[in-house]
Each structure stands twice: as C-alpha cells, then as structure tokens.
Amino acid sequence: MIDIHCHLLHGVDDGSDDLEGSLDALKLAEEAGFTDIILTPHYIKDYYDNSIENTKDKLKEL
C-alpha cells in the first residue's frame, strides 16, 4: 500500500513535532502495511521553513 499524501517531516509543517514522533508514525505505517510513503510538506512562502535544504535535512534524519 502507498501513502501519497503524508506530512511526516518533523518540524516542517503540521506533521510531527520531533524526530521521535516521525519515527513512531513510520513504524505504525509499516505495521499497517504501507510499503511506500510520499512526503508532501505544505509550501507557503515565509510561513513554513520547508526550503529544499531544510526538507532534505529532515529527510536525511529519518
């Protein structure tokens, strides 16, 4: 199963507040049968810190 709309990057938008929360959510998704997740952070200029650099950094942490 594939999740095609997921706010999982911690501290980027309305997703998890911290890395631990994101990792917990990933584990639950895996247990539920998800095999792939497409991360879809919101983009609102000057509202969320989801520049490409920050987004890549958060993804690397996961």
N, C-alpha and C. Protein backbone atom coordinates (compact mmCIF):
# COMPACT_ATOMS: atom_id res chain seq x y z
N MET A 1 0.85 -1.17 0.00
CA MET A 1 0.00 0.00 0.00
C MET A 1 0.91 1.24 0.00
N ILE A 2 0.47 2.29 -0.68
CA ILE A 2 1.25 3.51 -0.82
C ILE A 2 0.47 4.69 -0.27
N ASP A 3 1.10 5.46 0.60
CA ASP A 3 0.51 6.71 1.10
C ASP A 3 1.02 7.83 0.20
N ILE A 4 0.11 8.50 -0.49
CA ILE A 4 0.54 9.52 -1.45
C ILE A 4 0.34 10.95 -0.93
N HIS A 5 -0.01 11.10 0.35
CA HIS A 5 -0.18 12.43 0.93
C HIS A 5 0.15 12.35 2.41
N CYS A 6 1.39 12.69 2.75
CA CYS A 6 1.83 12.48 4.12
C CYS A 6 2.66 13.66 4.61
N HIS A 7 2.32 14.17 5.79
CA HIS A 7 3.07 15.25 6.43
C HIS A 7 3.87 14.64 7.57
N LEU A 8 4.99 14.03 7.25
CA LEU A 8 5.75 13.26 8.21
C LEU A 8 7.06 13.91 8.61
N LEU A 9 7.53 14.89 7.86
CA LEU A 9 8.79 15.54 8.21
C LEU A 9 8.58 16.38 9.46
N HIS A 10 9.35 16.07 10.49
CA HIS A 10 9.17 16.73 11.77
C HIS A 10 9.62 18.20 11.72
N GLY A 11 8.80 19.04 12.34
CA GLY A 11 9.13 20.45 12.46
C GLY A 11 9.03 21.24 11.17
N VAL A 12 8.40 20.69 10.15
CA VAL A 12 8.34 21.39 8.86
C VAL A 12 6.98 22.04 8.65
N ASP A 13 5.91 21.33 8.90
CA ASP A 13 4.57 21.90 8.74
C ASP A 13 3.68 21.34 9.83
N ASP A 14 2.52 20.85 9.51
CA ASP A 14 1.61 20.35 10.54
C ASP A 14 1.80 18.86 10.82
N GLY A 15 2.99 18.36 10.54
CA GLY A 15 3.31 16.97 10.83
C GLY A 15 3.82 16.81 12.25
N SER A 16 4.71 15.88 12.43
CA SER A 16 5.27 15.58 13.75
C SER A 16 6.06 16.77 14.29
N ASP A 17 6.06 16.91 15.61
CA ASP A 17 6.83 17.97 16.24
C ASP A 17 8.32 17.65 16.32
N ASP A 18 8.63 16.35 16.41
CA ASP A 18 10.03 15.97 16.58
C ASP A 18 10.34 14.67 15.85
N LEU A 19 11.62 14.33 15.78
CA LEU A 19 12.06 13.14 15.07
C LEU A 19 11.43 11.88 15.64
N GLU A 20 11.35 11.79 16.96
CA GLU A 20 10.76 10.60 17.59
C GLU A 20 9.32 10.38 17.13
N GLY A 21 8.55 11.45 17.03
CA GLY A 21 7.17 11.34 16.56
C GLY A 21 7.09 10.84 15.14
N SER A 22 7.99 11.32 14.29
CA SER A 22 8.02 10.87 12.90
C SER A 22 8.40 9.40 12.81
N LEU A 23 9.38 9.00 13.60
CA LEU A 23 9.80 7.59 13.58
C LEU A 23 8.68 6.68 14.09
N ASP A 24 7.98 7.12 15.12
CA ASP A 24 6.83 6.35 15.63
C ASP A 24 5.76 6.20 14.55
N ALA A 25 5.48 7.29 13.83
CA ALA A 25 4.48 7.25 12.77
C ALA A 25 4.91 6.33 11.64
N LEU A 26 6.21 6.34 11.31
CA LEU A 26 6.72 5.44 10.27
C LEU A 26 6.53 3.99 10.67
N LYS A 27 6.82 3.68 11.93
CA LYS A 27 6.66 2.31 12.41
C LYS A 27 5.19 1.88 12.33
N LEU A 28 4.29 2.75 12.74
CA LEU A 28 2.86 2.44 12.65
C LEU A 28 2.42 2.24 11.20
N ALA A 29 2.94 3.06 10.31
CA ALA A 29 2.59 2.92 8.89
C ALA A 29 3.07 1.58 8.35
N GLU A 30 4.28 1.20 8.73
CA GLU A 30 4.81 -0.09 8.28
C GLU A 30 3.96 -1.24 8.83
N GLU A 31 3.61 -1.16 10.10
CA GLU A 31 2.77 -2.20 10.71
C GLU A 31 1.39 -2.28 10.05
N ALA A 32 0.91 -1.16 9.53
CA ALA A 32 -0.39 -1.12 8.86
C ALA A 32 -0.32 -1.61 7.42
N GLY A 33 0.90 -1.87 6.94
CA GLY A 33 1.04 -2.43 5.60
C GLY A 33 1.51 -1.46 4.53
N PHE A 34 1.86 -0.24 4.92
CA PHE A 34 2.37 0.70 3.92
C PHE A 34 3.78 0.29 3.51
N THR A 35 4.03 0.31 2.22
CA THR A 35 5.35 -0.04 1.69
C THR A 35 6.09 1.18 1.17
N ASP A 36 5.35 2.21 0.81
CA ASP A 36 5.94 3.45 0.29
C ASP A 36 5.16 4.64 0.83
N ILE A 37 5.89 5.74 1.07
CA ILE A 37 5.26 6.96 1.55
C ILE A 37 5.82 8.13 0.76
N ILE A 38 4.92 8.94 0.22
CA ILE A 38 5.33 10.15 -0.50
C ILE A 38 5.09 11.32 0.44
N LEU A 39 6.18 11.98 0.81
CA LEU A 39 6.08 13.11 1.73
C LEU A 39 5.63 14.35 0.97
N THR A 40 4.64 15.04 1.53
CA THR A 40 4.05 16.20 0.84
C THR A 40 3.95 17.39 1.79
N PRO A 41 5.08 17.98 2.16
CA PRO A 41 5.00 19.14 3.06
C PRO A 41 4.30 20.31 2.38
N HIS A 42 3.60 21.09 3.19
CA HIS A 42 2.96 22.30 2.67
C HIS A 42 4.02 23.27 2.17
N TYR A 43 3.65 24.09 1.19
CA TYR A 43 4.53 25.18 0.78
C TYR A 43 3.75 26.48 0.81
N ILE A 44 4.06 27.28 1.80
CA ILE A 44 3.52 28.63 1.89
C ILE A 44 4.72 29.53 2.19
N LYS A 45 5.11 30.31 1.22
CA LYS A 45 6.32 31.13 1.34
C LYS A 45 6.28 31.97 2.62
N ASP A 46 7.39 31.95 3.33
CA ASP A 46 7.60 32.71 4.56
C ASP A 46 6.69 32.26 5.72
N TYR A 47 6.02 31.13 5.59
CA TYR A 47 5.18 30.62 6.67
C TYR A 47 5.78 29.36 7.28
N TYR A 48 6.10 28.38 6.43
CA TYR A 48 6.75 27.16 6.89
C TYR A 48 8.22 27.18 6.46
N ASP A 49 9.09 26.63 7.32
CA ASP A 49 10.50 26.51 6.94
C ASP A 49 10.69 25.20 6.19
N ASN A 50 10.25 25.17 4.94
CA ASN A 50 10.40 23.95 4.15
C ASN A 50 11.14 24.24 2.85
N SER A 51 12.23 24.98 3.01
CA SER A 51 13.12 25.17 1.87
C SER A 51 13.65 23.80 1.45
N ILE A 52 14.18 23.72 0.27
CA ILE A 52 14.70 22.43 -0.21
C ILE A 52 15.81 21.92 0.72
N GLU A 53 16.63 22.84 1.24
CA GLU A 53 17.71 22.43 2.14
C GLU A 53 17.15 21.85 3.44
N ASN A 54 16.19 22.53 4.05
CA ASN A 54 15.61 22.05 5.30
C ASN A 54 14.86 20.74 5.08
N THR A 55 14.13 20.65 3.98
CA THR A 55 13.39 19.42 3.67
C THR A 55 14.35 18.25 3.50
N LYS A 56 15.44 18.45 2.78
CA LYS A 56 16.43 17.38 2.60
C LYS A 56 17.06 16.99 3.93
N ASP A 57 17.38 17.97 4.77
CA ASP A 57 17.97 17.68 6.08
C ASP A 57 17.03 16.83 6.94
N LYS A 58 15.76 17.19 6.97
CA LYS A 58 14.79 16.43 7.77
C LYS A 58 14.62 15.02 7.22
N LEU A 59 14.63 14.88 5.91
CA LEU A 59 14.51 13.56 5.30
C LEU A 59 15.71 12.69 5.65
N LYS A 60 16.91 13.27 5.63
CA LYS A 60 18.12 12.52 5.99
C LYS A 60 18.05 12.04 7.43
N GLU A 61 17.47 12.86 8.32
CA GLU A 61 17.35 12.47 9.72
C GLU A 61 16.44 11.26 9.89
N LEU A 62 15.44 11.14 9.04
CA LEU A 62 14.54 9.98 9.11
C LEU A 62 15.26 8.72 8.70
